[in-house]
Protein backbone atom coordinates (compact mmCIF):
# COMPACT_ATOMS: atom_id res chain seq x y z
CA MET A 1 -19.25 0.83 12.25
CA ILE A 2 -15.93 2.52 13.08
CA GLU A 3 -15.61 5.67 14.32
CA PHE A 4 -12.53 7.62 15.62
CA GLN A 5 -12.87 10.90 17.38
CA ASN A 6 -9.92 12.86 17.61
CA VAL A 7 -8.09 9.78 18.79
CA HIS A 8 -4.21 10.16 19.51
CA LYS A 9 -1.54 7.65 20.71
CA THR A 10 1.88 8.49 22.52
CA TYR A 11 4.66 5.96 23.99
CA ARG A 12 7.01 6.95 26.66
CA VAL A 13 10.68 5.89 25.43
CA ALA A 14 13.45 6.51 27.94
CA ASP A 15 11.27 9.61 29.80
CA ARG A 16 10.33 11.29 26.25
CA GLU A 17 7.18 11.24 24.98
CA ILE A 18 6.89 9.62 21.04
CA PRO A 19 3.69 10.27 19.03
CA ALA A 20 2.46 7.74 16.86
CA LEU A 21 -0.89 8.76 16.17
CA HIS A 22 -1.88 12.62 15.95
CA PRO A 23 -5.06 13.35 16.72
CA THR A 24 -7.25 11.73 14.15
CA SER A 25 -10.96 11.47 13.08
CA LEU A 26 -12.33 9.12 11.15
CA ARG A 27 -15.44 6.84 10.23
CA ILE A 28 -15.63 3.77 8.01
CA GLU A 29 -19.02 2.62 7.01
CA ASN A 30 -20.62 -0.70 7.59
CA GLY A 31 -19.96 -3.25 5.10
CA GLN A 32 -16.46 -1.50 3.17
CA VAL A 33 -13.42 -2.46 2.93
CA PHE A 34 -11.38 0.62 3.70
CA GLY A 35 -7.34 0.43 3.59
CA LEU A 36 -4.73 2.22 5.42
CA ILE A 37 -1.65 2.92 3.59
CA GLY A 38 1.56 4.08 4.93
CA HIS A 39 5.55 3.30 4.97
CA SER A 40 6.65 1.88 7.96
CA GLY A 41 6.54 3.75 10.84
CA ALA A 42 3.47 6.05 9.75
CA GLY A 43 0.96 4.61 12.20
CA LYS A 44 -1.13 2.34 10.33
CA SER A 45 -0.48 -0.78 12.69
CA THR A 46 -1.08 1.91 15.53
CA MET A 47 -4.76 2.48 14.28
CA LEU A 48 -5.10 -1.06 13.87
CA ARG A 49 -4.88 -2.33 17.27
CA LEU A 50 -6.43 0.94 18.35
CA ILE A 51 -9.57 -0.77 16.73
CA ASN A 52 -9.58 -3.87 18.74
CA ARG A 53 -8.31 -1.78 21.61
CA LEU A 54 -4.88 -4.03 21.59
CA GLU A 55 -3.98 -0.78 22.59
CA ALA A 56 -5.40 2.31 24.52
CA PRO A 57 -5.65 5.76 23.44
CA SER A 58 -3.77 8.03 24.51
CA GLY A 59 -7.42 10.31 24.34
CA GLY A 60 -9.90 10.77 21.83
CA LYS A 61 -12.81 8.00 21.56
CA ILE A 62 -13.19 5.13 19.28
CA LEU A 63 -17.09 4.22 18.42
CA VAL A 64 -17.51 0.53 17.07
CA ASP A 65 -20.92 -0.19 15.93
CA ASP A 66 -22.12 3.15 18.17
CA VAL A 67 -20.52 1.33 21.43
CA ASP A 68 -17.67 3.41 22.99
CA VAL A 69 -14.64 0.74 22.94
CA THR A 70 -12.55 3.33 25.12
CA ALA A 71 -14.67 2.80 27.86
CA LEU A 72 -15.22 -0.53 28.61
CA ASP A 73 -14.06 -2.67 31.56
CA ALA A 74 -12.19 -5.99 30.91
CA ASP A 75 -14.91 -8.42 30.33
CA GLY A 76 -16.52 -5.60 28.07
CA LEU A 77 -13.35 -6.11 26.37
CA ARG A 78 -13.81 -10.04 26.32
CA GLY A 79 -16.60 -9.84 24.71
CA PHE A 80 -15.76 -7.27 22.24
CA ARG A 81 -13.18 -8.64 20.51
CA ARG A 82 -15.00 -11.68 19.89
CA GLN A 83 -16.92 -9.13 17.10
CA VAL A 84 -13.23 -8.60 15.71
CA GLY A 85 -11.25 -11.02 13.51
CA MET A 86 -7.39 -10.48 12.83
CA ILE A 87 -5.15 -11.91 10.17
CA PHE A 88 -1.83 -11.45 10.68
CA GLN A 89 1.12 -10.63 8.33
CA HIS A 90 2.89 -13.97 9.20
CA PHE A 91 0.15 -16.05 10.07
CA ASN A 92 0.50 -16.85 13.97
CA LEU A 93 -0.46 -20.41 13.51
CA LEU A 94 0.65 -22.83 16.58
CA SER A 95 2.78 -25.11 14.83
CA SER A 96 2.28 -27.98 17.19
CA LYS A 97 -1.93 -28.14 16.49
CA THR A 98 -3.19 -29.50 13.29
CA VAL A 99 -5.40 -26.68 10.94
CA ALA A 100 -8.22 -27.55 11.93
CA ASP A 101 -7.19 -27.11 16.41
CA ASN A 102 -6.01 -23.74 15.38
CA VAL A 103 -9.06 -22.68 13.15
CA ALA A 104 -11.11 -24.42 16.50
CA MET A 105 -8.93 -22.61 19.18
CA PRO A 106 -11.39 -19.31 19.19
CA LEU A 107 -14.21 -21.30 20.26
CA THR A 108 -12.50 -23.74 22.38
CA LEU A 109 -11.41 -20.64 24.38
CA ALA A 110 -14.77 -19.05 24.14
CA GLY A 111 -16.20 -22.41 25.72
CA ASP A 112 -19.97 -21.97 25.18
CA MET A 113 -20.26 -24.42 21.84
CA SER A 114 -20.18 -28.28 22.11
CA ARG A 115 -17.30 -29.92 20.26
CA ALA A 116 -19.87 -31.99 17.48
CA GLN A 117 -20.87 -27.72 17.24
CA ILE A 118 -16.65 -26.53 17.39
CA ASP A 119 -16.49 -29.66 14.40
CA GLN A 120 -18.97 -28.39 12.20
CA ARG A 121 -18.32 -25.03 12.03
CA VAL A 122 -14.48 -25.63 11.47
CA ALA A 123 -15.58 -27.66 8.61
CA GLU A 124 -17.70 -25.26 7.39
CA LEU A 125 -14.67 -22.82 7.56
CA LEU A 126 -12.28 -24.38 6.20
CA ALA A 127 -14.63 -25.51 2.97
CA ARG A 128 -14.97 -21.45 2.68
CA VAL A 129 -11.25 -21.20 2.48
CA GLY A 130 -10.65 -23.64 0.17
CA LEU A 131 -8.58 -26.42 2.64
CA SER A 132 -11.13 -29.08 3.59
CA ASP A 133 -8.75 -31.65 2.57
CA HIS A 134 -5.78 -30.00 4.94
CA ALA A 135 -7.93 -30.20 8.09
CA LYS A 136 -5.54 -33.22 9.55
CA LYS A 137 -2.20 -31.38 8.22
CA TYR A 138 0.10 -28.91 10.49
CA PRO A 139 1.60 -25.45 9.53
CA ALA A 140 4.57 -26.80 7.96
CA GLN A 141 3.19 -28.76 5.45
CA LEU A 142 1.30 -25.91 3.94
CA SER A 143 2.54 -23.41 1.49
CA GLY A 144 2.50 -19.42 2.66
CA GLY A 145 -1.18 -19.00 1.05
CA GLN A 146 -2.88 -22.04 2.35
CA LYS A 147 -1.14 -20.99 6.02
CA GLN A 148 -2.73 -17.24 5.53
CA ARG A 149 -5.99 -18.87 4.41
CA VAL A 150 -6.12 -21.04 7.86
CA GLY A 151 -5.48 -17.71 9.67
CA ILE A 152 -8.55 -16.07 8.04
CA ALA A 153 -10.70 -19.14 8.24
CA ARG A 154 -9.43 -18.81 12.46
CA ALA A 155 -10.43 -15.15 12.12
CA LEU A 156 -14.04 -15.88 10.85
CA ALA A 157 -14.44 -18.52 13.87
CA THR A 158 -16.62 -16.56 16.37
CA LYS A 159 -18.73 -14.80 13.19
CA PRO A 160 -17.41 -11.17 14.22
CA LYS A 161 -18.46 -7.98 12.37
CA ILE A 162 -15.24 -6.51 11.33
CA LEU A 163 -12.00 -8.20 10.21
CA LEU A 164 -8.77 -6.48 10.60
CA CYS A 165 -5.52 -7.66 8.53
CA ASP A 166 -2.53 -6.54 9.37
CA GLU A 167 -0.29 -6.69 5.89
CA ALA A 168 -1.79 -9.80 5.65
CA THR A 169 -0.43 -10.54 2.02
CA SER A 170 3.24 -8.97 2.25
CA ALA A 171 4.79 -12.26 3.00
CA LEU A 172 3.35 -14.00 -0.08
CA ASP A 173 4.18 -13.70 -3.94
CA PRO A 174 2.23 -12.19 -6.66
CA GLN A 175 -0.24 -14.67 -7.51
CA THR A 176 -0.54 -16.32 -3.94
CA THR A 177 -1.39 -12.65 -3.13
CA ALA A 178 -3.97 -12.26 -5.75
CA SER A 179 -5.55 -15.29 -4.79
CA VAL A 180 -6.16 -13.98 -0.40
CA LEU A 181 -7.43 -10.83 -2.12
CA GLN A 182 -10.21 -12.99 -4.32
CA LEU A 183 -10.94 -14.55 -0.99
CA LEU A 184 -11.14 -11.46 1.66
CA ALA A 185 -13.36 -9.52 -1.18
CA GLU A 186 -15.81 -12.92 -1.30
CA ILE A 187 -15.90 -12.55 2.71
CA ASN A 188 -16.90 -9.37 2.57
CA ARG A 189 -19.10 -9.21 -0.51
CA GLU A 190 -21.26 -12.83 0.76
CA LEU A 191 -20.58 -12.40 4.57
CA LYS A 192 -21.27 -8.46 5.00
CA LEU A 193 -18.26 -7.77 7.05
CA THR A 194 -16.75 -4.52 7.19
CA ILE A 195 -12.58 -5.22 6.52
CA VAL A 196 -9.87 -2.80 7.62
CA LEU A 197 -6.57 -3.73 6.26
CA ILE A 198 -3.63 -2.04 6.22
CA THR A 199 -0.76 -2.51 4.14
CA HIS A 200 2.32 -0.45 2.22
CA GLU A 201 0.95 -1.90 -1.70
CA MET A 202 -1.08 0.63 -3.41
CA ASP A 203 -1.78 -2.44 -5.41
CA VAL A 204 -3.80 -4.29 -2.85
CA ILE A 205 -5.54 -0.94 -2.10
CA ARG A 206 -6.69 -1.17 -5.46
CA ARG A 207 -7.66 -4.59 -6.27
CA VAL A 208 -9.97 -4.84 -2.99
CA CYS A 209 -10.94 -1.86 -1.33
CA ASP A 210 -13.68 1.08 -1.47
CA GLN A 211 -12.04 3.54 0.66
CA VAL A 212 -8.43 4.42 1.00
CA ALA A 213 -6.63 6.39 3.94
CA VAL A 214 -2.88 7.84 3.34
CA MET A 215 -0.78 8.00 6.51
CA ASP A 216 2.33 9.45 6.78
CA ALA A 217 4.44 10.11 10.56
CA GLY A 218 0.97 9.56 12.48
CA VAL A 219 -1.19 11.85 10.16
CA ILE A 220 -3.98 11.34 7.63
CA VAL A 221 -2.67 12.86 4.53
CA GLU A 222 -5.40 12.19 2.17
CA GLN A 223 -8.75 10.16 2.64
CA GLY A 224 -11.41 9.02 -0.04
CA ALA A 225 -12.50 6.74 -2.75
CA VAL A 226 -9.76 4.65 -3.84
CA ALA A 227 -10.44 5.67 -7.79
CA ASP A 228 -10.16 9.60 -6.72
CA VAL A 229 -6.91 8.81 -4.39
CA PHE A 230 -5.42 6.16 -6.80
CA LEU A 231 -6.02 7.99 -10.05
CA HIS A 232 -5.84 11.84 -8.74
CA PRO A 233 -3.23 11.80 -6.08
CA LYS A 234 -2.95 15.62 -4.24
CA HIS A 235 -0.38 14.48 -1.88
CA PRO A 236 3.24 14.17 -2.20
CA THR A 237 3.21 10.52 -0.07
CA THR A 238 0.03 9.56 -1.89
CA ARG A 239 2.17 10.13 -5.69
CA ARG A 240 4.82 8.33 -4.04
CA PHE A 241 2.41 5.35 -3.66
CA VAL A 242 0.66 5.05 -7.14
CA GLN A 243 4.32 6.23 -9.31
CA GLU A 244 4.53 3.37 -11.42
CA ASP A 245 6.54 3.20 -15.04
CA GLU A 246 3.50 4.33 -17.30
CA GLU A 247 3.36 7.58 -15.00
CA VAL A 248 4.80 10.69 -16.64
CA ASP A 249 6.84 12.82 -14.05
CA GLU A 250 8.18 15.96 -14.03
CA ASN A 251 12.04 15.19 -14.95
CA GLN A 252 10.25 13.00 -17.71
CA LEU A 253 8.61 16.24 -19.23
CA ASN A 254 12.00 17.40 -18.39
CA SER A 255 14.26 14.67 -20.06
CA ASP A 256 12.98 12.09 -21.69
CA PHE A 257 10.13 13.99 -23.78
CA ALA A 258 12.61 16.90 -24.10
CA HIS A 259 12.17 16.22 -28.11
CA VAL A 260 8.73 15.63 -28.63
CA GLN A 261 6.33 18.25 -30.31
CA GLY A 262 3.12 19.24 -29.30
CA ARG A 263 0.89 19.23 -25.83
CA ILE A 264 1.50 17.01 -23.61
CA VAL A 265 -1.78 15.33 -21.36
CA ARG A 266 -2.90 12.93 -19.41
CA LEU A 267 -6.21 11.45 -20.07
CA THR A 268 -8.37 9.22 -17.15
CA PHE A 269 -11.24 6.83 -18.35
CA GLN A 270 -13.21 5.17 -15.78
CA GLY A 271 -16.23 2.88 -16.06
CA GLU A 272 -17.30 1.75 -19.41
CA ALA A 273 -15.44 4.99 -21.01
CA THR A 274 -12.18 3.31 -20.59
CA TYR A 275 -13.36 1.02 -23.88
CA ALA A 276 -14.83 3.41 -26.02
CA PRO A 277 -13.36 4.22 -29.00
CA LEU A 278 -13.01 8.17 -28.05
CA LEU A 279 -9.49 9.16 -29.28
CA GLY A 280 -10.26 7.68 -33.31
CA THR A 281 -12.88 9.83 -32.72
CA VAL A 282 -11.65 12.89 -31.68
CA ALA A 283 -8.63 12.92 -34.26
CA ARG A 284 -10.98 12.42 -37.09
CA GLU A 285 -13.31 15.18 -35.77
CA THR A 286 -10.87 18.18 -35.00
CA GLY A 287 -8.03 16.97 -37.20
CA VAL A 288 -5.61 16.41 -34.27
CA ASP A 289 -2.50 14.11 -34.27
CA TYR A 290 -1.71 11.85 -31.11
CA SER A 291 1.38 9.62 -29.84
CA ILE A 292 0.90 7.36 -26.87
CA LEU A 293 3.48 7.91 -24.60
CA ALA A 294 2.71 5.82 -21.75
CA GLY A 295 -0.37 4.66 -21.17
CA ARG A 296 -2.11 1.36 -18.51
CA ILE A 297 -5.48 -0.38 -18.34
CA ASP A 298 -6.67 -1.95 -15.49
CA ARG A 299 -9.47 -2.43 -12.63
CA ILE A 300 -9.74 -0.49 -9.64
CA LYS A 301 -11.91 -3.64 -7.87
CA ASP A 302 -14.72 -4.08 -10.02
CA THR A 303 -14.58 -0.50 -11.74
CA PRO A 304 -12.20 -0.57 -15.39
CA TYR A 305 -9.81 2.21 -15.76
CA GLY A 306 -7.48 3.39 -18.36
CA GLN A 307 -4.54 6.27 -18.40
CA LEU A 308 -3.11 7.71 -21.70
CA THR A 309 -0.18 9.93 -21.96
CA LEU A 310 -0.64 11.44 -24.99
CA ALA A 311 1.73 13.98 -27.72
CA ILE A 312 -0.71 16.18 -29.26
CA THR A 313 -0.09 18.01 -32.51
CA GLY A 314 -1.65 20.00 -35.29
CA GLY A 315 -5.43 20.44 -36.21
CA ASP A 316 -7.83 21.80 -33.79
CA MET A 317 -6.63 21.75 -30.42
CA ASP A 318 -8.77 23.47 -28.64
CA ALA A 319 -11.77 21.42 -30.09
CA ALA A 320 -9.75 18.43 -29.10
CA PHE A 321 -9.88 18.95 -25.31
CA ALA A 322 -13.71 20.23 -25.59
CA ARG A 323 -14.33 16.65 -26.52
CA PHE A 324 -12.65 15.08 -24.00
CA THR A 325 -14.23 17.01 -21.25
CA ALA A 326 -17.51 16.33 -22.88
CA ALA A 327 -16.80 12.86 -22.73
CA ASP A 328 -16.48 12.79 -19.10
CA VAL A 329 -12.99 12.13 -19.22
CA HIS A 330 -10.57 13.37 -16.48
CA MET A 331 -7.71 15.69 -18.66
CA GLU A 332 -4.24 16.99 -17.32
CA VAL A 333 -2.02 19.20 -19.19
CA LEU A 334 1.01 18.35 -18.67
CA ARG A 335 3.00 20.61 -21.17
């Protein structure tokens, strides 16, 4: 659906060339939820604005649904942008307009639907996002989560092929974030929309995305399936994003666990293996003992996963490690 071919972007500031995006090639498949994660200034917002041509690239080619959008004239861009919806961090609703009027605005500006058709489309959209009873309210009367749902309904008004989400949940509390992400997942599944989502929170990526690209200083430093990147990060920037209390870093190995006996390993389970009674079975078969030093069990989108950091002593350790590997469990020896 979206392809970057050696695309780069440079801004000119006070006679200086400031690179925001270094030459980048990237493919986003039709129907994917694709996450771009990076700290402020990493270049992820620039990439998002290049997709809908709010920014023009300094070089390279951008293809959307096999159309070279870098070559479109003004009329072509207007038609193209109707195929791309956008959701903003701070909602960008017009305070003087009702909820229904905010959602109707893209349709009103397009000018090719009757008032009755617009009203029907708005009613459908508000029902989809669960705000049918709020059509006549104004943005000031809504909670943050409700405002973002209005923004989502407005972004869907013209039946776009692509939905761009610019830090869509960073202004929301955790519970509201979860409900908005669930709504985006439903929209992706039911409407088969391609969603590109930028964030600085790995938890958002984990909950809703299929693929992720990690950005640092205008460069994609790591990319792949969310489960691979989240559970086995390779680049230091990625590792910083996935750091959690349960994850054991080098400092802990040298300090907190210095007194712990045995080999320290991290086991990663995915899918149904997450719930299998593997540890007890391996301990009985090989005679090893284990202590759980850290752990987490959660989901990456629809797939359960678990990570356990263990101290293993006694018994036949080589046999135990072979048994873990045979059970398709990823094992890292930390010490």
